[in-house]
C-alpha atoms as a PDB file:
ATOM      1  CA  UNK A   1     -19.294  27.048   0.435  1.00  0.00           C
ATOM      2  CA  UNK A   2     -15.853  26.925  -1.182  1.00  0.00           C
ATOM      3  CA  UNK A   3     -13.495  24.115  -0.332  1.00  0.00           C
ATOM      4  CA  UNK A   4     -10.195  24.908   1.347  1.00  0.00           C
ATOM      5  CA  UNK A   5      -7.027  22.954   0.625  1.00  0.00           C
ATOM      6  CA  UNK A   6      -5.102  22.158   3.831  1.00  0.00           C
ATOM      7  CA  UNK A   7      -1.304  21.907   3.872  1.00  0.00           C
ATOM      8  CA  UNK A   8       1.050  22.219   0.962  1.00  0.00           C
ATOM      9  CA  UNK A   9       1.392  19.834  -1.935  1.00  0.00           C
ATOM     10  CA  UNK A  10       1.816  16.181  -0.996  1.00  0.00           C
ATOM     11  CA  UNK A  11       5.303  15.001  -1.943  1.00  0.00           C
ATOM     12  CA  UNK A  12       6.372  11.354  -1.675  1.00  0.00           C
ATOM     13  CA  UNK A  13       9.840  10.114  -2.602  1.00  0.00           C
ATOM     14  CA  UNK A  14      10.571  13.541  -4.103  1.00  0.00           C
ATOM     15  CA  UNK A  15       7.555  13.475  -6.423  1.00  0.00           C
ATOM     16  CA  UNK A  16       4.589  15.854  -6.070  1.00  0.00           C
ATOM     17  CA  UNK A  17       1.322  13.931  -6.190  1.00  0.00           C
ATOM     18  CA  UNK A  18      -1.913  15.100  -7.816  1.00  0.00           C
ATOM     19  CA  UNK A  19      -3.937  15.075  -4.598  1.00  0.00           C
ATOM     20  CA  UNK A  20      -4.435  17.292  -1.579  1.00  0.00           C
ATOM     21  CA  UNK A  21      -3.170  16.436   1.897  1.00  0.00           C
ATOM     22  CA  UNK A  22      -6.577  17.456   3.275  1.00  0.00           C
ATOM     23  CA  UNK A  23      -9.644  19.423   2.232  1.00  0.00           C
ATOM     24  CA  UNK A  24     -12.033  21.400   4.446  1.00  0.00           C
ATOM     25  CA  UNK A  25     -15.634  21.715   3.252  1.00  0.00           C
ATOM     26  CA  UNK A  26     -17.626  23.711   5.797  1.00  0.00           C
ATOM     27  CA  UNK A  27     -17.288  22.030   9.183  1.00  0.00           C
ATOM     28  CA  UNK A  28     -15.898  18.783   7.747  1.00  0.00           C
ATOM     29  CA  UNK A  29     -12.231  17.997   7.132  1.00  0.00           C
ATOM     30  CA  UNK A  30     -11.310  15.097   4.828  1.00  0.00           C
ATOM     31  CA  UNK A  31      -7.774  13.717   4.916  1.00  0.00           C
ATOM     32  CA  UNK A  32      -6.224  11.775   2.079  1.00  0.00           C
ATOM     33  CA  UNK A  33      -5.408   8.194   3.032  1.00  0.00           C
ATOM     34  CA  UNK A  34      -2.107   8.320   4.901  1.00  0.00           C
ATOM     35  CA  UNK A  35       0.582   5.735   4.289  1.00  0.00           C
ATOM     36  CA  UNK A  36       3.633   5.258   6.531  1.00  0.00           C
ATOM     37  CA  UNK A  37       6.261   7.895   5.785  1.00  0.00           C
ATOM     38  CA  UNK A  38       9.667   8.598   7.288  1.00  0.00           C
ATOM     39  CA  UNK A  39      11.658  11.697   6.301  1.00  0.00           C
ATOM     40  CA  UNK A  40       9.589  12.151   3.124  1.00  0.00           C
ATOM     41  CA  UNK A  41      10.105   8.566   1.989  1.00  0.00           C
ATOM     42  CA  UNK A  42       7.648   5.672   1.951  1.00  0.00           C
ATOM     43  CA  UNK A  43       8.387   3.445   4.944  1.00  0.00           C
ATOM     44  CA  UNK A  44       8.564  -0.060   3.445  1.00  0.00           C
ATOM     45  CA  UNK A  45      10.172  -1.715   6.466  1.00  0.00           C
ATOM     46  CA  UNK A  46       9.173  -2.121  10.093  1.00  0.00           C
ATOM     47  CA  UNK A  47       6.356  -3.895  11.854  1.00  0.00           C
ATOM     48  CA  UNK A  48       2.717  -3.032  11.406  1.00  0.00           C
ATOM     49  CA  UNK A  49       2.972  -1.307  14.790  1.00  0.00           C
ATOM     50  CA  UNK A  50       5.855   0.888  13.539  1.00  0.00           C
ATOM     51  CA  UNK A  51       4.011   1.711  10.343  1.00  0.00           C
ATOM     52  CA  UNK A  52       0.741   2.418  12.179  1.00  0.00           C
ATOM     53  CA  UNK A  53       2.493   4.882  14.507  1.00  0.00           C
ATOM     54  CA  UNK A  54       4.048   6.633  11.493  1.00  0.00           C
ATOM     55  CA  UNK A  55       0.626   6.877   9.821  1.00  0.00           C
ATOM     56  CA  UNK A  56      -1.194   8.150  12.913  1.00  0.00           C
ATOM     57  CA  UNK A  57       1.572  10.656  13.740  1.00  0.00           C
ATOM     58  CA  UNK A  58       1.295  12.092  10.229  1.00  0.00           C
ATOM     59  CA  UNK A  59      -2.511  12.209  10.518  1.00  0.00           C
ATOM     60  CA  UNK A  60      -2.137  14.113  13.808  1.00  0.00           C
ATOM     61  CA  UNK A  61       0.131  16.682  12.097  1.00  0.00           C
ATOM     62  CA  UNK A  62      -2.244  17.123   9.156  1.00  0.00           C
ATOM     63  CA  UNK A  63      -5.247  17.513  11.472  1.00  0.00           C
ATOM     64  CA  UNK A  64      -3.341  20.266  13.320  1.00  0.00           C
ATOM     65  CA  UNK A  65      -2.854  22.136  10.019  1.00  0.00           C
ATOM     66  CA  UNK A  66      -6.662  22.167   9.726  1.00  0.00           C
ATOM     67  CA  UNK A  67      -7.132  23.339  13.321  1.00  0.00           C
ATOM     68  CA  UNK A  68      -8.250  19.879  14.451  1.00  0.00           C
ATOM     69  CA  UNK A  69      -7.139  17.171  16.853  1.00  0.00           C
ATOM     70  CA  UNK A  70      -7.727  13.429  16.898  1.00  0.00           C
ATOM     71  CA  UNK A  71     -10.712  14.154  19.182  1.00  0.00           C
ATOM     72  CA  UNK A  72     -12.416  15.728  16.128  1.00  0.00           C
ATOM     73  CA  UNK A  73     -12.150  12.541  14.042  1.00  0.00           C
ATOM     74  CA  UNK A  74     -15.589  11.031  13.431  1.00  0.00           C
ATOM     75  CA  UNK A  75     -14.713   8.277  10.931  1.00  0.00           C
ATOM     76  CA  UNK A  76     -11.647   6.278   9.937  1.00  0.00           C
ATOM     77  CA  UNK A  77     -11.143   3.884   7.059  1.00  0.00           C
ATOM     78  CA  UNK A  78      -8.316   1.372   7.446  1.00  0.00           C
ATOM     79  CA  UNK A  79      -6.631  -0.848   4.887  1.00  0.00           C
ATOM     80  CA  UNK A  80      -4.248  -3.610   5.995  1.00  0.00           C
ATOM     81  CA  UNK A  81      -2.090  -5.735   3.716  1.00  0.00           C
ATOM     82  CA  UNK A  82      -2.504  -8.849   5.890  1.00  0.00           C
ATOM     83  CA  UNK A  83      -5.389  -9.736   8.213  1.00  0.00           C
ATOM     84  CA  UNK A  84      -2.814 -11.172  10.659  1.00  0.00           C
ATOM     85  CA  UNK A  85      -1.645  -7.559  11.205  1.00  0.00           C
ATOM     86  CA  UNK A  86      -4.991  -6.502  12.686  1.00  0.00           C
ATOM     87  CA  UNK A  87      -4.171  -7.185  16.386  1.00  0.00           C
ATOM     88  CA  UNK A  88      -0.920  -5.177  16.199  1.00  0.00           C
ATOM     89  CA  UNK A  89      -2.599  -2.379  14.275  1.00  0.00           C
ATOM     90  CA  UNK A  90      -5.548  -2.315  16.675  1.00  0.00           C
ATOM     91  CA  UNK A  91      -3.308  -2.105  19.764  1.00  0.00           C
ATOM     92  CA  UNK A  92      -1.511   0.979  18.418  1.00  0.00           C
ATOM     93  CA  UNK A  93      -4.756   2.519  17.114  1.00  0.00           C
ATOM     94  CA  UNK A  94      -6.176   2.216  20.636  1.00  0.00           C
ATOM     95  CA  UNK A  95      -3.244   4.249  21.990  1.00  0.00           C
ATOM     96  CA  UNK A  96      -4.147   7.110  19.637  1.00  0.00           C
ATOM     97  CA  UNK A  97      -7.920   6.890  20.210  1.00  0.00           C
ATOM     98  CA  UNK A  98      -8.154   5.735  23.854  1.00  0.00           C
ATOM     99  CA  UNK A  99     -11.630   7.143  24.619  1.00  0.00           C
ATOM    100  CA  UNK A 100     -14.694   7.850  22.487  1.00  0.00           C
ATOM    101  CA  UNK A 101     -13.065   6.436  19.333  1.00  0.00           C
ATOM    102  CA  UNK A 102     -14.427   7.350  15.911  1.00  0.00           C
ATOM    103  CA  UNK A 103     -16.496   5.028  13.767  1.00  0.00           C
ATOM    104  CA  UNK A 104     -14.170   2.743  11.810  1.00  0.00           C
ATOM    105  CA  UNK A 105     -14.151   0.389   8.858  1.00  0.00           C
ATOM    106  CA  UNK A 106     -11.254  -1.941   8.035  1.00  0.00           C
ATOM    107  CA  UNK A 107     -10.400  -4.031   4.988  1.00  0.00           C
ATOM    108  CA  UNK A 108      -7.597  -6.275   3.827  1.00  0.00           C
ATOM    109  CA  UNK A 109      -6.252  -5.021   0.523  1.00  0.00           C
ATOM    110  CA  UNK A 110      -3.279  -5.031  -1.797  1.00  0.00           C
ATOM    111  CA  UNK A 111      -1.440  -1.703  -2.073  1.00  0.00           C
ATOM    112  CA  UNK A 112       0.179   0.176  -4.938  1.00  0.00           C
ATOM    113  CA  UNK A 113       3.354   0.515  -2.825  1.00  0.00           C
ATOM    114  CA  UNK A 114       5.091  -1.918  -0.444  1.00  0.00           C
ATOM    115  CA  UNK A 115       3.440  -0.957   2.866  1.00  0.00           C
ATOM    116  CA  UNK A 116       1.373  -2.726   5.536  1.00  0.00           C
ATOM    117  CA  UNK A 117      -1.257  -0.093   6.456  1.00  0.00           C
ATOM    118  CA  UNK A 118      -3.133   2.975   5.198  1.00  0.00           C
ATOM    119  CA  UNK A 119      -5.602   5.090   7.176  1.00  0.00           C
ATOM    120  CA  UNK A 120      -8.026   7.765   5.968  1.00  0.00           C
ATOM    121  CA  UNK A 121      -9.919  10.043   8.364  1.00  0.00           C
ATOM    122  CA  UNK A 122     -12.835  12.455   8.359  1.00  0.00           C
ATOM    123  CA  UNK A 123     -13.061  15.087  11.105  1.00  0.00           C
ATOM    124  CA  UNK A 124     -15.835  17.386  12.234  1.00  0.00           C
ATOM    125  CA  UNK A 125     -14.541  20.810  13.272  1.00  0.00           C
ATOM    126  CA  UNK A 126     -16.979  23.731  13.282  1.00  0.00           C
ATOM    127  CA  UNK A 127     -15.615  26.980  11.897  1.00  0.00           C
ATOM    128  CA  UNK A 128     -14.636  29.546  14.492  1.00  0.00           C
ATOM    129  CA  UNK A 129     -13.053  26.961  16.773  1.00  0.00           C
ATOM    130  CA  UNK A 130      -9.726  27.139  14.985  1.00  0.00           C
END
């Protein structure tokens, strides 16, 4: 089964990155970890709630490119810069996954850029549903 690259090249701050926005392998869709973006620029300001909304909105758009919705997400991996941000992150996350949420892991971690949150998702979307 060949892999399928979803979406065009990932460009941040005007620079094309050496990674794919998403990859479909059979019925599974794997999204690259999404960081908060605004108008093609890394969003280094705003609350964790603002940044989480930006991340989850971008994830929703990328899922749509793969013929998926948030209902297809089976697993998320979350990185937060500060453990004190978890309640704010979790409140917004709950708005985007209000029922039957996916499995989730969360860690506190330092980032390579000045952000507060990153989220990676895996979705299950059988072929032929698209």
